[in-house]
Amino acid sequence: MPLCAGATGVGLVFSFLLLRRRGAVAAMRLAAWSLLPMAAYLTGALSALWTIGSTAVSFVTSLVFNPFTWAGVALAGLSMVLFMVSGVIRARRLSAAAPAPSAASARPAAEQKPATSAPAGKPAIAQPKPRTNDDDFSDIEDILKRRGIS
């Protein structure tokens, strides 16, 4: 309590001096910061902050000076490396096992469209392409091609 009251009192004195030099806005901001230590004490937040701080300090000191903790950090690092390497290997295997594009989809677009001839007065109607089940994403590719996205 004396430390918080002292910090608040000193801050309020400085805010009064700042009022005379820089104006009301700067003084109000310093007064607001000055009231926080006493508010933390009165609400009980100061003891919670002290507990959090002391726990963090004890964790850091145990991390730095304990060889078992360093062994745990090393094992966690090894685990992360194994996860990443296995993911790369899995991705390579999946890409190698993917089916190659079929000969029908490798043809140029001009060969895939059937020629439609219409009488002079009627517009030509495009016939739908025959569907092949070679690729799982053929439906999506068709939609994207119709929208002009390649």
N, C-alpha and C. Protein backbone atom coordinates (compact mmCIF):
# COMPACT_ATOMS: atom_id res chain seq x y z
N MET A 1 0.82 -1.20 0.00
CA MET A 1 0.00 0.00 0.00
C MET A 1 0.87 1.26 0.00
N PRO A 2 1.89 1.37 0.85
CA PRO A 2 2.68 2.61 0.83
C PRO A 2 3.36 2.86 -0.51
N LEU A 3 3.81 1.80 -1.16
CA LEU A 3 4.47 1.96 -2.46
C LEU A 3 3.48 2.47 -3.51
N CYS A 4 2.29 1.90 -3.55
CA CYS A 4 1.27 2.32 -4.52
C CYS A 4 0.81 3.74 -4.24
N ALA A 5 0.61 4.08 -2.95
CA ALA A 5 0.17 5.43 -2.59
C ALA A 5 1.27 6.44 -2.93
N GLY A 6 2.52 6.07 -2.70
CA GLY A 6 3.63 6.97 -3.03
C GLY A 6 3.74 7.20 -4.52
N ALA A 7 3.62 6.13 -5.33
CA ALA A 7 3.69 6.27 -6.78
C ALA A 7 2.55 7.13 -7.30
N THR A 8 1.36 6.96 -6.73
CA THR A 8 0.21 7.77 -7.15
C THR A 8 0.41 9.23 -6.76
N GLY A 9 0.91 9.48 -5.54
CA GLY A 9 1.14 10.85 -5.09
C GLY A 9 2.19 11.57 -5.92
N VAL A 10 3.31 10.90 -6.18
CA VAL A 10 4.37 11.51 -6.99
C VAL A 10 3.86 11.78 -8.40
N GLY A 11 3.09 10.86 -8.95
CA GLY A 11 2.55 11.07 -10.28
C GLY A 11 1.59 12.23 -10.36
N LEU A 12 0.78 12.42 -9.31
CA LEU A 12 -0.16 13.54 -9.30
C LEU A 12 0.56 14.88 -9.15
N VAL A 13 1.65 14.88 -8.38
CA VAL A 13 2.45 16.11 -8.26
C VAL A 13 3.05 16.47 -9.62
N PHE A 14 3.61 15.46 -10.29
CA PHE A 14 4.18 15.72 -11.62
C PHE A 14 3.11 16.14 -12.62
N SER A 15 1.92 15.61 -12.49
CA SER A 15 0.85 16.01 -13.42
C SER A 15 0.45 17.47 -13.17
N PHE A 16 0.51 17.94 -11.90
CA PHE A 16 0.23 19.34 -11.62
C PHE A 16 1.29 20.23 -12.26
N LEU A 17 2.56 19.81 -12.15
CA LEU A 17 3.64 20.59 -12.77
C LEU A 17 3.52 20.57 -14.28
N LEU A 18 3.10 19.46 -14.83
CA LEU A 18 2.93 19.35 -16.27
C LEU A 18 1.77 20.20 -16.75
N LEU A 19 0.76 20.38 -15.90
CA LEU A 19 -0.38 21.23 -16.25
C LEU A 19 0.08 22.66 -16.52
N ARG A 20 1.01 23.12 -15.72
CA ARG A 20 1.50 24.50 -15.87
C ARG A 20 2.40 24.65 -17.08
N ARG A 21 3.10 23.56 -17.48
CA ARG A 21 4.07 23.68 -18.58
C ARG A 21 3.49 23.31 -19.94
N ARG A 22 2.76 22.20 -20.00
CA ARG A 22 2.31 21.70 -21.32
C ARG A 22 0.81 21.78 -21.54
N GLY A 23 0.04 22.00 -20.52
CA GLY A 23 -1.39 22.14 -20.71
C GLY A 23 -2.19 21.02 -20.07
N ALA A 24 -3.49 21.12 -20.21
CA ALA A 24 -4.41 20.22 -19.52
C ALA A 24 -4.39 18.80 -20.08
N VAL A 25 -4.22 18.66 -21.38
CA VAL A 25 -4.28 17.34 -21.99
C VAL A 25 -3.14 16.45 -21.49
N ALA A 26 -1.93 16.96 -21.49
CA ALA A 26 -0.78 16.18 -21.02
C ALA A 26 -0.91 15.88 -19.53
N ALA A 27 -1.41 16.85 -18.74
CA ALA A 27 -1.58 16.65 -17.31
C ALA A 27 -2.63 15.58 -17.02
N MET A 28 -3.71 15.58 -17.77
CA MET A 28 -4.75 14.57 -17.55
C MET A 28 -4.24 13.17 -17.89
N ARG A 29 -3.44 13.06 -18.93
CA ARG A 29 -2.90 11.74 -19.29
C ARG A 29 -1.96 11.23 -18.19
N LEU A 30 -1.09 12.10 -17.66
CA LEU A 30 -0.19 11.69 -16.59
C LEU A 30 -0.97 11.37 -15.32
N ALA A 31 -2.02 12.12 -15.02
CA ALA A 31 -2.85 11.84 -13.85
C ALA A 31 -3.53 10.48 -14.00
N ALA A 32 -3.97 10.17 -15.21
CA ALA A 32 -4.61 8.87 -15.43
C ALA A 32 -3.62 7.73 -15.18
N TRP A 33 -2.40 7.87 -15.68
CA TRP A 33 -1.38 6.85 -15.44
C TRP A 33 -1.02 6.80 -13.95
N SER A 34 -1.02 7.92 -13.29
CA SER A 34 -0.64 7.98 -11.88
C SER A 34 -1.66 7.29 -10.98
N LEU A 35 -2.91 7.28 -11.35
CA LEU A 35 -3.95 6.66 -10.53
C LEU A 35 -3.97 5.13 -10.64
N LEU A 36 -3.33 4.58 -11.65
CA LEU A 36 -3.37 3.12 -11.86
C LEU A 36 -2.72 2.31 -10.74
N PRO A 37 -1.57 2.68 -10.14
CA PRO A 37 -1.02 1.85 -9.06
C PRO A 37 -1.96 1.73 -7.86
N MET A 38 -2.57 2.83 -7.46
CA MET A 38 -3.49 2.77 -6.32
C MET A 38 -4.75 1.97 -6.68
N ALA A 39 -5.22 2.12 -7.93
CA ALA A 39 -6.39 1.35 -8.37
C ALA A 39 -6.07 -0.15 -8.38
N ALA A 40 -4.86 -0.51 -8.79
CA ALA A 40 -4.47 -1.92 -8.80
C ALA A 40 -4.42 -2.49 -7.39
N TYR A 41 -3.95 -1.69 -6.43
CA TYR A 41 -3.91 -2.16 -5.04
C TYR A 41 -5.31 -2.33 -4.48
N LEU A 42 -6.17 -1.33 -4.69
CA LEU A 42 -7.51 -1.36 -4.10
C LEU A 42 -8.39 -2.45 -4.70
N THR A 43 -8.20 -2.80 -5.97
CA THR A 43 -9.03 -3.84 -6.59
C THR A 43 -8.48 -5.25 -6.38
N GLY A 44 -7.27 -5.36 -5.85
CA GLY A 44 -6.67 -6.68 -5.65
C GLY A 44 -5.91 -7.17 -6.87
N ALA A 45 -5.86 -6.37 -7.90
CA ALA A 45 -5.14 -6.76 -9.12
C ALA A 45 -3.64 -6.78 -8.90
N LEU A 46 -3.16 -6.02 -7.92
CA LEU A 46 -1.73 -5.97 -7.66
C LEU A 46 -1.21 -7.32 -7.18
N SER A 47 -1.97 -7.98 -6.32
CA SER A 47 -1.53 -9.30 -5.86
C SER A 47 -1.57 -10.31 -7.00
N ALA A 48 -2.54 -10.20 -7.88
CA ALA A 48 -2.60 -11.11 -9.03
C ALA A 48 -1.42 -10.85 -9.97
N LEU A 49 -1.10 -9.57 -10.21
CA LEU A 49 0.05 -9.25 -11.04
C LEU A 49 1.35 -9.73 -10.40
N TRP A 50 1.44 -9.63 -9.07
CA TRP A 50 2.63 -10.11 -8.37
C TRP A 50 2.77 -11.62 -8.53
N THR A 51 1.67 -12.34 -8.41
CA THR A 51 1.69 -13.79 -8.57
C THR A 51 2.10 -14.18 -9.99
N ILE A 52 1.55 -13.50 -10.98
CA ILE A 52 1.90 -13.78 -12.37
C ILE A 52 3.38 -13.50 -12.61
N GLY A 53 3.86 -12.37 -12.10
CA GLY A 53 5.27 -12.02 -12.29
C GLY A 53 6.21 -13.00 -11.62
N SER A 54 5.90 -13.37 -10.38
CA SER A 54 6.79 -14.31 -9.67
C SER A 54 6.76 -15.69 -10.32
N THR A 55 5.61 -16.11 -10.83
CA THR A 55 5.53 -17.40 -11.54
C THR A 55 6.34 -17.36 -12.83
N ALA A 56 6.26 -16.26 -13.55
CA ALA A 56 7.03 -16.14 -14.79
C ALA A 56 8.53 -16.14 -14.50
N VAL A 57 8.95 -15.44 -13.45
CA VAL A 57 10.37 -15.41 -13.10
C VAL A 57 10.85 -16.78 -12.68
N SER A 58 10.06 -17.50 -11.89
CA SER A 58 10.49 -18.84 -11.46
C SER A 58 10.54 -19.80 -12.65
N PHE A 59 9.62 -19.64 -13.61
CA PHE A 59 9.67 -20.50 -14.81
C PHE A 59 10.93 -20.23 -15.61
N VAL A 60 11.26 -18.96 -15.80
CA VAL A 60 12.44 -18.62 -16.59
C VAL A 60 13.71 -19.09 -15.89
N THR A 61 13.81 -18.90 -14.57
CA THR A 61 15.01 -19.35 -13.87
C THR A 61 15.12 -20.87 -13.88
N SER A 62 13.99 -21.57 -13.77
CA SER A 62 14.07 -23.03 -13.84
C SER A 62 14.41 -23.49 -15.26
N LEU A 63 14.01 -22.74 -16.25
CA LEU A 63 14.34 -23.08 -17.63
C LEU A 63 15.83 -22.90 -17.89
N VAL A 64 16.40 -21.84 -17.37
CA VAL A 64 17.80 -21.54 -17.64
C VAL A 64 18.72 -22.47 -16.86
N PHE A 65 18.40 -22.79 -15.64
CA PHE A 65 19.33 -23.51 -14.78
C PHE A 65 19.03 -24.99 -14.60
N ASN A 66 18.02 -25.54 -15.24
CA ASN A 66 17.66 -26.94 -15.03
C ASN A 66 17.96 -27.74 -16.30
N PRO A 67 18.83 -28.75 -16.22
CA PRO A 67 19.14 -29.54 -17.42
C PRO A 67 17.96 -30.41 -17.88
N PHE A 68 17.09 -30.81 -16.97
CA PHE A 68 15.92 -31.61 -17.37
C PHE A 68 14.97 -30.77 -18.23
N THR A 69 14.86 -29.49 -17.91
CA THR A 69 14.02 -28.61 -18.70
C THR A 69 14.59 -28.47 -20.10
N TRP A 70 15.92 -28.33 -20.23
CA TRP A 70 16.55 -28.23 -21.54
C TRP A 70 16.36 -29.52 -22.33
N ALA A 71 16.36 -30.67 -21.64
CA ALA A 71 16.09 -31.93 -22.33
C ALA A 71 14.66 -31.94 -22.87
N GLY A 72 13.72 -31.40 -22.11
CA GLY A 72 12.34 -31.31 -22.58
C GLY A 72 12.21 -30.38 -23.78
N VAL A 73 12.93 -29.25 -23.76
CA VAL A 73 12.91 -28.33 -24.89
C VAL A 73 13.49 -29.00 -26.13
N ALA A 74 14.57 -29.76 -25.95
CA ALA A 74 15.19 -30.46 -27.07
C ALA A 74 14.24 -31.51 -27.66
N LEU A 75 13.54 -32.23 -26.79
CA LEU A 75 12.58 -33.23 -27.28
C LEU A 75 11.41 -32.56 -28.01
N ALA A 76 10.96 -31.42 -27.53
CA ALA A 76 9.89 -30.71 -28.23
C ALA A 76 10.37 -30.24 -29.60
N GLY A 77 11.61 -29.78 -29.70
CA GLY A 77 12.17 -29.38 -30.99
C GLY A 77 12.29 -30.55 -31.94
N LEU A 78 12.76 -31.69 -31.42
CA LEU A 78 12.86 -32.89 -32.25
C LEU A 78 11.49 -33.33 -32.74
N SER A 79 10.49 -33.22 -31.90
CA SER A 79 9.13 -33.57 -32.30
C SER A 79 8.65 -32.68 -33.44
N MET A 80 8.92 -31.39 -33.36
CA MET A 80 8.50 -30.47 -34.42
C MET A 80 9.21 -30.80 -35.73
N VAL A 81 10.50 -31.12 -35.67
CA VAL A 81 11.25 -31.47 -36.88
C VAL A 81 10.67 -32.74 -37.50
N LEU A 82 10.35 -33.74 -36.67
CA LEU A 82 9.78 -34.98 -37.20
C LEU A 82 8.42 -34.73 -37.85
N PHE A 83 7.59 -33.87 -37.24
CA PHE A 83 6.30 -33.54 -37.85
C PHE A 83 6.49 -32.90 -39.22
N MET A 84 7.43 -31.96 -39.32
CA MET A 84 7.63 -31.27 -40.59
C MET A 84 8.19 -32.20 -41.66
N VAL A 85 9.15 -33.03 -41.31
CA VAL A 85 9.74 -33.95 -42.29
C VAL A 85 8.71 -34.96 -42.76
N SER A 86 7.91 -35.49 -41.84
CA SER A 86 6.89 -36.46 -42.25
C SER A 86 5.84 -35.81 -43.14
N GLY A 87 5.54 -34.53 -42.91
CA GLY A 87 4.58 -33.83 -43.77
C GLY A 87 5.12 -33.65 -45.18
N VAL A 88 6.41 -33.34 -45.30
CA VAL A 88 7.02 -33.18 -46.61
C VAL A 88 7.03 -34.51 -47.36
N ILE A 89 7.41 -35.58 -46.66
CA ILE A 89 7.45 -36.90 -47.29
C ILE A 89 6.05 -37.32 -47.72
N ARG A 90 5.06 -37.08 -46.87
CA ARG A 90 3.68 -37.45 -47.21
C ARG A 90 3.18 -36.68 -48.43
N ALA A 91 3.51 -35.39 -48.49
CA ALA A 91 3.08 -34.58 -49.64
C ALA A 91 3.73 -35.08 -50.93
N ARG A 92 4.98 -35.48 -50.86
CA ARG A 92 5.66 -36.00 -52.06
C ARG A 92 5.03 -37.31 -52.51
N ARG A 93 4.69 -38.17 -51.56
CA ARG A 93 4.07 -39.45 -51.92
C ARG A 93 2.69 -39.23 -52.53
N LEU A 94 1.93 -38.31 -51.98
CA LEU A 94 0.59 -38.05 -52.52
C LEU A 94 0.67 -37.43 -53.91
N SER A 95 1.66 -36.57 -54.14
CA SER A 95 1.77 -35.97 -55.47
C SER A 95 2.28 -36.99 -56.48
N ALA A 96 3.09 -37.95 -56.04
CA ALA A 96 3.57 -38.98 -56.95
C ALA A 96 2.47 -39.98 -57.28
N ALA A 97 1.55 -40.19 -56.36
CA ALA A 97 0.47 -41.15 -56.57
C ALA A 97 -0.71 -40.55 -57.33
N ALA A 98 -0.72 -39.24 -57.55
CA ALA A 98 -1.82 -38.59 -58.26
C ALA A 98 -1.85 -39.06 -59.71
N PRO A 99 -3.04 -39.29 -60.27
CA PRO A 99 -3.11 -39.76 -61.65
C PRO A 99 -2.65 -38.67 -62.63
N ALA A 100 -2.02 -39.13 -63.69
CA ALA A 100 -1.57 -38.22 -64.73
C ALA A 100 -2.77 -37.76 -65.54
N PRO A 101 -2.71 -36.56 -66.14
CA PRO A 101 -3.84 -36.09 -66.94
C PRO A 101 -4.07 -37.02 -68.14
N SER A 102 -5.33 -37.21 -68.47
CA SER A 102 -5.66 -38.12 -69.56
C SER A 102 -5.35 -37.48 -70.90
N ALA A 103 -5.32 -38.29 -71.93
CA ALA A 103 -5.03 -37.80 -73.28
C ALA A 103 -6.15 -36.89 -73.77
N ALA A 104 -7.39 -37.13 -73.33
CA ALA A 104 -8.51 -36.31 -73.77
C ALA A 104 -8.40 -34.89 -73.23
N SER A 105 -7.92 -34.75 -72.00
CA SER A 105 -7.80 -33.41 -71.45
C SER A 105 -6.55 -32.71 -71.95
N ALA A 106 -5.62 -33.43 -72.55
CA ALA A 106 -4.40 -32.82 -73.05
C ALA A 106 -4.59 -32.24 -74.46
N ARG A 107 -5.69 -32.57 -75.12
CA ARG A 107 -5.93 -32.04 -76.46
C ARG A 107 -6.17 -30.55 -76.40
N PRO A 108 -5.86 -29.83 -77.46
CA PRO A 108 -6.16 -28.38 -77.48
C PRO A 108 -7.65 -28.14 -77.43
N ALA A 109 -8.01 -26.95 -76.98
CA ALA A 109 -9.43 -26.61 -76.82
C ALA A 109 -10.15 -26.58 -78.16
N ALA A 110 -9.45 -26.25 -79.23
CA ALA A 110 -10.09 -26.21 -80.54
C ALA A 110 -10.53 -27.60 -80.98
N GLU A 111 -9.78 -28.63 -80.60
CA GLU A 111 -10.16 -29.99 -80.98
C GLU A 111 -11.28 -30.51 -80.11
N GLN A 112 -11.41 -30.01 -78.89
CA GLN A 112 -12.43 -30.53 -77.99
C GLN A 112 -13.82 -30.01 -78.34
N LYS A 113 -13.93 -28.81 -78.92
CA LYS A 113 -15.24 -28.26 -79.25
C LYS A 113 -15.70 -28.85 -80.58
N PRO A 114 -16.88 -29.45 -80.58
CA PRO A 114 -17.40 -29.95 -81.85
C PRO A 114 -17.88 -28.79 -82.71
N ALA A 115 -17.69 -28.92 -83.99
CA ALA A 115 -18.14 -27.89 -84.92
C ALA A 115 -19.65 -28.00 -85.09
N THR A 116 -20.33 -26.91 -84.87
CA THR A 116 -21.78 -26.90 -85.06
C THR A 116 -22.09 -25.95 -86.21
N SER A 117 -22.86 -26.45 -87.10
CA SER A 117 -23.28 -25.60 -88.20
C SER A 117 -24.77 -25.33 -88.05
N ALA A 118 -25.12 -24.11 -88.15
CA ALA A 118 -26.51 -23.73 -88.00
C ALA A 118 -26.96 -23.05 -89.27
N PRO A 119 -28.25 -23.11 -89.53
CA PRO A 119 -28.76 -22.38 -90.68
C PRO A 119 -28.50 -20.89 -90.51
N ALA A 120 -28.58 -20.17 -91.59
CA ALA A 120 -28.22 -18.76 -91.60
C ALA A 120 -29.04 -17.92 -90.62
N GLY A 121 -30.27 -18.23 -90.39
CA GLY A 121 -31.13 -17.41 -89.53
C GLY A 121 -31.07 -17.81 -88.07
N LYS A 122 -30.54 -18.98 -87.72
CA LYS A 122 -30.57 -19.45 -86.34
C LYS A 122 -29.16 -19.44 -85.74
N PRO A 123 -29.03 -19.07 -84.47
CA PRO A 123 -27.72 -19.08 -83.83
C PRO A 123 -27.27 -20.52 -83.55
N ALA A 124 -25.96 -20.71 -83.49
CA ALA A 124 -25.41 -22.04 -83.21
C ALA A 124 -25.54 -22.35 -81.73
N ILE A 125 -25.90 -23.58 -81.39
CA ILE A 125 -26.04 -24.03 -80.01
C ILE A 125 -24.85 -24.93 -79.70
N ALA A 126 -24.14 -24.60 -78.66
CA ALA A 126 -22.97 -25.40 -78.30
C ALA A 126 -23.42 -26.70 -77.67
N GLN A 127 -22.84 -27.78 -78.11
CA GLN A 127 -23.18 -29.08 -77.56
C GLN A 127 -22.29 -29.33 -76.34
N PRO A 128 -22.84 -29.95 -75.30
CA PRO A 128 -22.03 -30.21 -74.11
C PRO A 128 -20.94 -31.24 -74.41
N LYS A 129 -19.80 -31.08 -73.74
CA LYS A 129 -18.69 -32.00 -73.92
C LYS A 129 -19.03 -33.31 -73.22
N PRO A 130 -18.55 -34.42 -73.78
CA PRO A 130 -18.74 -35.68 -73.07
C PRO A 130 -17.91 -35.67 -71.79
N ARG A 131 -18.50 -36.17 -70.72
CA ARG A 131 -17.84 -36.17 -69.42
C ARG A 131 -16.93 -37.38 -69.28
N THR A 132 -15.77 -37.14 -68.75
CA THR A 132 -14.86 -38.24 -68.42
C THR A 132 -14.64 -38.24 -66.93
N ASN A 133 -14.54 -39.38 -66.35
CA ASN A 133 -14.34 -39.51 -64.92
C ASN A 133 -12.88 -39.74 -64.58
N ASP A 134 -11.98 -39.20 -65.41
CA ASP A 134 -10.56 -39.39 -65.16
C ASP A 134 -10.07 -38.55 -63.99
N ASP A 135 -10.66 -37.40 -63.82
CA ASP A 135 -10.18 -36.48 -62.80
C ASP A 135 -11.30 -36.17 -61.81
N ASP A 136 -10.96 -36.12 -60.53
CA ASP A 136 -11.97 -35.82 -59.51
C ASP A 136 -12.43 -34.37 -59.59
N PHE A 137 -11.62 -33.50 -60.14
CA PHE A 137 -11.94 -32.09 -60.17
C PHE A 137 -12.46 -31.64 -61.53
N SER A 138 -12.95 -32.55 -62.35
CA SER A 138 -13.39 -32.16 -63.68
C SER A 138 -14.60 -31.23 -63.62
N ASP A 139 -15.49 -31.42 -62.63
CA ASP A 139 -16.65 -30.53 -62.50
C ASP A 139 -16.18 -29.11 -62.19
N ILE A 140 -15.24 -28.99 -61.29
CA ILE A 140 -14.75 -27.67 -60.91
C ILE A 140 -14.03 -27.02 -62.09
N GLU A 141 -13.24 -27.80 -62.82
CA GLU A 141 -12.54 -27.26 -63.98
C GLU A 141 -13.51 -26.77 -65.03
N ASP A 142 -14.60 -27.50 -65.25
CA ASP A 142 -15.61 -27.07 -66.22
C ASP A 142 -16.23 -25.74 -65.81
N ILE A 143 -16.56 -25.60 -64.54
CA ILE A 143 -17.17 -24.36 -64.05
C ILE A 143 -16.20 -23.20 -64.22
N LEU A 144 -14.95 -23.42 -63.87
CA LEU A 144 -13.96 -22.35 -64.00
C LEU A 144 -13.74 -21.96 -65.46
N LYS A 145 -13.74 -22.93 -66.37
CA LYS A 145 -13.54 -22.62 -67.79
C LYS A 145 -14.72 -21.83 -68.34
N ARG A 146 -15.94 -22.16 -67.89
CA ARG A 146 -17.12 -21.43 -68.35
C ARG A 146 -17.09 -19.98 -67.86
N ARG A 147 -16.48 -19.74 -66.70
CA ARG A 147 -16.40 -18.39 -66.17
C ARG A 147 -15.20 -17.62 -66.71
N GLY A 148 -14.36 -18.28 -67.45
CA GLY A 148 -13.19 -17.62 -68.06
C GLY A 148 -11.99 -17.60 -67.15
N ILE A 149 -11.99 -18.48 -66.14
CA ILE A 149 -10.86 -18.55 -65.19
C ILE A 149 -10.06 -19.79 -65.55
N SER A 150 -8.77 -19.60 -65.77
CA SER A 150 -7.98 -20.78 -66.13
C SER A 150 -7.00 -21.11 -65.05
